[in-house]
C-alpha atoms as a PDB file:
ATOM      1  CA  MET A   1       0.032   0.088  -0.012  1.00  0.00           C
ATOM      2  CA  LEU A   2       2.826   2.379   0.754  1.00  0.00           C
ATOM      3  CA  LYS A   3       4.342   1.830  -2.716  1.00  0.00           C
ATOM      4  CA  ARG A   4       1.226   2.707  -4.308  1.00  0.00           C
ATOM      5  CA  GLY A   5       0.605   5.934  -2.171  1.00  0.00           C
ATOM      6  CA  LEU A   6       4.469   6.787  -3.355  1.00  0.00           C
ATOM      7  CA  CYS A   7       3.357   6.181  -6.823  1.00  0.00           C
ATOM      8  CA  VAL A   8       0.089   8.313  -6.488  1.00  0.00           C
ATOM      9  CA  ALA A   9       2.354  11.250  -4.785  1.00  0.00           C
ATOM     10  CA  VAL A  10       4.924  11.262  -7.792  1.00  0.00           C
ATOM     11  CA  VAL A  11       2.543  11.310 -10.669  1.00  0.00           C
ATOM     12  CA  LEU A  12       0.515  14.293  -9.097  1.00  0.00           C
ATOM     13  CA  LEU A  13       3.885  16.191  -8.200  1.00  0.00           C
ATOM     14  CA  GLY A  14       4.650  15.565 -11.818  1.00  0.00           C
ATOM     15  CA  ALA A  15       1.486  16.757 -13.097  1.00  0.00           C
ATOM     16  CA  ALA A  16       2.078  19.974 -10.754  1.00  0.00           C
ATOM     17  CA  CYS A  17       5.669  20.677 -13.009  1.00  0.00           C
ATOM     18  CA  VAL A  18       3.579  20.991 -16.252  1.00  0.00           C
ATOM     19  CA  ASP A  19       4.894  23.585 -18.406  1.00  0.00           C
ATOM     20  CA  LYS A  20       1.784  24.000 -20.767  1.00  0.00           C
ATOM     21  CA  MET A  21      -1.145  26.168 -20.082  1.00  0.00           C
ATOM     22  CA  LEU A  22      -4.583  26.135 -21.408  1.00  0.00           C
ATOM     23  CA  GLU A  23      -5.357  27.890 -24.964  1.00  0.00           C
ATOM     24  CA  GLN A  24      -8.214  29.191 -23.734  1.00  0.00           C
ATOM     25  CA  ASP A  25      -8.406  30.172 -19.930  1.00  0.00           C
ATOM     26  CA  LEU A  26     -11.916  31.970 -18.643  1.00  0.00           C
ATOM     27  CA  ARG A  27      -9.882  32.847 -15.701  1.00  0.00           C
ATOM     28  CA  ILE A  28      -8.213  35.854 -17.020  1.00  0.00           C
ATOM     29  CA  THR A  29     -11.492  37.848 -16.936  1.00  0.00           C
ATOM     30  CA  ASN A  30     -11.235  38.074 -13.213  1.00  0.00           C
ATOM     31  CA  THR A  31      -7.299  37.830 -12.787  1.00  0.00           C
ATOM     32  CA  PRO A  32      -5.651  40.958 -12.300  1.00  0.00           C
ATOM     33  CA  PRO A  33      -2.440  41.419 -13.788  1.00  0.00           C
ATOM     34  CA  ALA A  34       0.746  41.144 -12.226  1.00  0.00           C
ATOM     35  CA  ALA A  35       2.638  43.417 -14.190  1.00  0.00           C
ATOM     36  CA  LYS A  36       1.974  46.162 -17.192  1.00  0.00           C
ATOM     37  CA  LEU A  37       4.283  46.868 -20.129  1.00  0.00           C
ATOM     38  CA  SER A  38       4.659  47.351 -23.687  1.00  0.00           C
ATOM     39  CA  ALA A  39       4.974  44.473 -26.073  1.00  0.00           C
ATOM     40  CA  ASP A  40       8.347  45.721 -26.978  1.00  0.00           C
ATOM     41  CA  ILE A  41       9.858  45.608 -23.397  1.00  0.00           C
ATOM     42  CA  LEU A  42       8.179  41.737 -22.892  1.00  0.00           C
ATOM     43  CA  TRP A  43       9.955  41.022 -26.074  1.00  0.00           C
ATOM     44  CA  LYS A  44      13.462  42.447 -24.959  1.00  0.00           C
ATOM     45  CA  GLU A  45      13.128  40.913 -21.441  1.00  0.00           C
ATOM     46  CA  TYR A  46      12.701  37.327 -23.125  1.00  0.00           C
ATOM     47  CA  GLN A  47      15.677  38.125 -25.632  1.00  0.00           C
ATOM     48  CA  ASP A  48      17.983  39.287 -22.749  1.00  0.00           C
ATOM     49  CA  ASP A  49      17.138  36.488 -20.490  1.00  0.00           C
ATOM     50  CA  ALA A  50      14.382  34.304 -20.925  1.00  0.00           C
ATOM     51  CA  LYS A  51      14.895  32.274 -17.665  1.00  0.00           C
ATOM     52  CA  LYS A  52      14.034  35.340 -15.641  1.00  0.00           C
ATOM     53  CA  ALA A  53      11.599  36.849 -17.840  1.00  0.00           C
ATOM     54  CA  ASP A  54       9.582  33.100 -17.466  1.00  0.00           C
ATOM     55  CA  LYS A  55      10.282  33.716 -13.483  1.00  0.00           C
ATOM     56  CA  ASP A  56       8.639  36.918 -13.699  1.00  0.00           C
ATOM     57  CA  TYR A  57       5.857  36.368 -16.426  1.00  0.00           C
ATOM     58  CA  TRP A  58       5.236  32.916 -17.278  1.00  0.00           C
ATOM     59  CA  GLY A  59       1.483  31.853 -16.323  1.00  0.00           C
ATOM     60  CA  LYS A  60       0.593  35.060 -14.874  1.00  0.00           C
ATOM     61  CA  ALA A  61      -1.820  37.613 -16.482  1.00  0.00           C
ATOM     62  CA  ILE A  62       0.226  40.529 -17.791  1.00  0.00           C
ATOM     63  CA  LEU A  63      -1.060  43.801 -19.210  1.00  0.00           C
ATOM     64  CA  VAL A  64       0.683  44.442 -22.534  1.00  0.00           C
ATOM     65  CA  THR A  65       0.203  47.344 -24.433  1.00  0.00           C
ATOM     66  CA  GLY A  66       1.722  48.238 -28.330  1.00  0.00           C
ATOM     67  CA  VAL A  67       0.981  49.029 -31.696  1.00  0.00           C
ATOM     68  CA  ALA A  68      -0.568  45.751 -33.510  1.00  0.00           C
ATOM     69  CA  THR A  69       1.357  45.120 -36.667  1.00  0.00           C
ATOM     70  CA  THR A  70      -1.039  41.998 -37.698  1.00  0.00           C
ATOM     71  CA  VAL A  71      -4.771  41.802 -37.296  1.00  0.00           C
ATOM     72  CA  PRO A  72      -6.304  39.030 -39.404  1.00  0.00           C
ATOM     73  CA  LYS A  73      -9.680  39.686 -39.637  1.00  0.00           C
ATOM     74  CA  ASP A  74     -10.799  36.423 -41.265  1.00  0.00           C
ATOM     75  CA  GLY A  75      -9.857  32.583 -40.843  1.00  0.00           C
ATOM     76  CA  PRO A  76     -10.351  29.940 -38.267  1.00  0.00           C
ATOM     77  CA  ALA A  77      -9.628  30.003 -34.981  1.00  0.00           C
ATOM     78  CA  PRO A  78      -7.108  30.729 -33.049  1.00  0.00           C
ATOM     79  CA  HIS A  79      -7.415  34.347 -33.787  1.00  0.00           C
ATOM     80  CA  VAL A  80      -4.370  36.440 -32.964  1.00  0.00           C
ATOM     81  CA  ILE A  81      -2.768  39.970 -33.066  1.00  0.00           C
ATOM     82  CA  ILE A  82       0.760  40.279 -33.595  1.00  0.00           C
ATOM     83  CA  PHE A  83       2.863  42.977 -32.175  1.00  0.00           C
ATOM     84  CA  GLY A  84       6.260  43.649 -33.613  1.00  0.00           C
ATOM     85  CA  GLN A  85       7.909  42.300 -37.176  1.00  0.00           C
ATOM     86  CA  GLY A  86       7.563  38.444 -37.512  1.00  0.00           C
ATOM     87  CA  PRO A  87       8.250  35.313 -36.208  1.00  0.00           C
ATOM     88  CA  GLN A  88      11.338  35.125 -34.225  1.00  0.00           C
ATOM     89  CA  SER A  89      10.674  38.756 -33.336  1.00  0.00           C
ATOM     90  CA  SER A  90       7.402  39.533 -32.227  1.00  0.00           C
ATOM     91  CA  VAL A  91       4.858  38.902 -29.216  1.00  0.00           C
ATOM     92  CA  ARG A  92       1.602  36.778 -30.403  1.00  0.00           C
ATOM     93  CA  ALA A  93      -1.403  37.470 -28.605  1.00  0.00           C
ATOM     94  CA  GLN A  94      -4.007  34.509 -29.069  1.00  0.00           C
ATOM     95  CA  LEU A  95      -7.286  36.006 -28.209  1.00  0.00           C
ATOM     96  CA  LEU A  96     -10.143  34.746 -25.665  1.00  0.00           C
ATOM     97  CA  ASP A  97     -12.614  33.223 -28.269  1.00  0.00           C
ATOM     98  CA  GLU A  98     -15.308  34.656 -26.242  1.00  0.00           C
ATOM     99  CA  GLN A  99     -14.267  38.198 -27.312  1.00  0.00           C
ATOM    100  CA  ALA A 100     -12.152  37.627 -30.343  1.00  0.00           C
ATOM    101  CA  ALA A 101     -14.588  38.958 -32.866  1.00  0.00           C
ATOM    102  CA  GLU A 102     -15.067  42.254 -30.757  1.00  0.00           C
ATOM    103  CA  ILE A 103     -11.466  42.694 -30.435  1.00  0.00           C
ATOM    104  CA  LEU A 104     -10.574  42.106 -34.105  1.00  0.00           C
ATOM    105  CA  ALA A 105     -13.472  44.415 -35.243  1.00  0.00           C
ATOM    106  CA  SER A 106     -11.975  47.451 -33.166  1.00  0.00           C
ATOM    107  CA  VAL A 107      -8.279  47.148 -34.089  1.00  0.00           C
ATOM    108  CA  GLN A 108      -6.820  47.993 -37.411  1.00  0.00           C
ATOM    109  CA  PRO A 109      -2.901  47.335 -38.206  1.00  0.00           C
ATOM    110  CA  GLY A 110      -0.774  50.225 -36.866  1.00  0.00           C
ATOM    111  CA  GLU A 111      -3.139  51.018 -34.078  1.00  0.00           C
ATOM    112  CA  ARG A 112      -1.985  50.910 -30.528  1.00  0.00           C
ATOM    113  CA  ILE A 113      -4.118  48.484 -28.540  1.00  0.00           C
ATOM    114  CA  ALA A 114      -4.008  47.092 -24.645  1.00  0.00           C
ATOM    115  CA  LEU A 115      -4.760  43.231 -24.049  1.00  0.00           C
ATOM    116  CA  LYS A 116      -4.819  41.569 -20.918  1.00  0.00           C
ATOM    117  CA  CYS A 117      -3.426  37.824 -21.501  1.00  0.00           C
ATOM    118  CA  PHE A 118      -1.788  34.895 -19.572  1.00  0.00           C
ATOM    119  CA  CYS A 119       2.072  34.606 -20.673  1.00  0.00           C
ATOM    120  CA  ALA A 120       3.100  31.374 -22.260  1.00  0.00           C
ATOM    121  CA  GLY A 121       6.955  32.115 -22.724  1.00  0.00           C
ATOM    122  CA  LEU A 122       9.001  32.238 -25.534  1.00  0.00           C
ATOM    123  CA  GLN A 123       8.502  29.961 -28.686  1.00  0.00           C
ATOM    124  CA  GLY A 124       9.903  30.945 -31.400  1.00  0.00           C
ATOM    125  CA  ASP A 125       8.065  34.786 -30.338  1.00  0.00           C
ATOM    126  CA  VAL A 126       6.718  35.718 -26.900  1.00  0.00           C
ATOM    127  CA  GLN A 127       3.403  33.508 -26.421  1.00  0.00           C
ATOM    128  CA  LEU A 128       0.184  35.539 -24.667  1.00  0.00           C
ATOM    129  CA  LYS A 129      -2.913  33.294 -24.376  1.00  0.00           C
ATOM    130  CA  SER A 130      -6.389  33.898 -23.517  1.00  0.00           C
ATOM    131  CA  CYS A 131      -6.052  37.841 -24.505  1.00  0.00           C
ATOM    132  CA  ILE A 132      -9.067  40.082 -23.763  1.00  0.00           C
ATOM    133  CA  LYS A 133      -9.299  43.826 -23.512  1.00  0.00           C
ATOM    134  CA  PRO A 134      -9.039  44.729 -19.846  1.00  0.00           C
END
């Protein structure tokens, strides 16, 4: 019985170390931002020291502002707004499905926008999930 209990504990502890997050997490609507910063500064912090940036931002709600460089209006989910110049040099904000149509209708490329999102770290570009208008 002790061996079985130990196995369960190991499995539970392993699950707590998962480094993935939900693509769509409604908790963003009620979670206050842990930080407020521009998309440019967020990108720079990840380039300078990704481990430190993950410690500061990964899994936390953050308020990010910046100029939207790409705002695709059509196409299937996931709906995204991109801050920056492209892959390997941008912040990619995946919108919460419940608010995606409204957000996309209200912003054009080149316009400044603020979004509250969960930070999912650096994966080619900086990934933000479940983004909503604050």
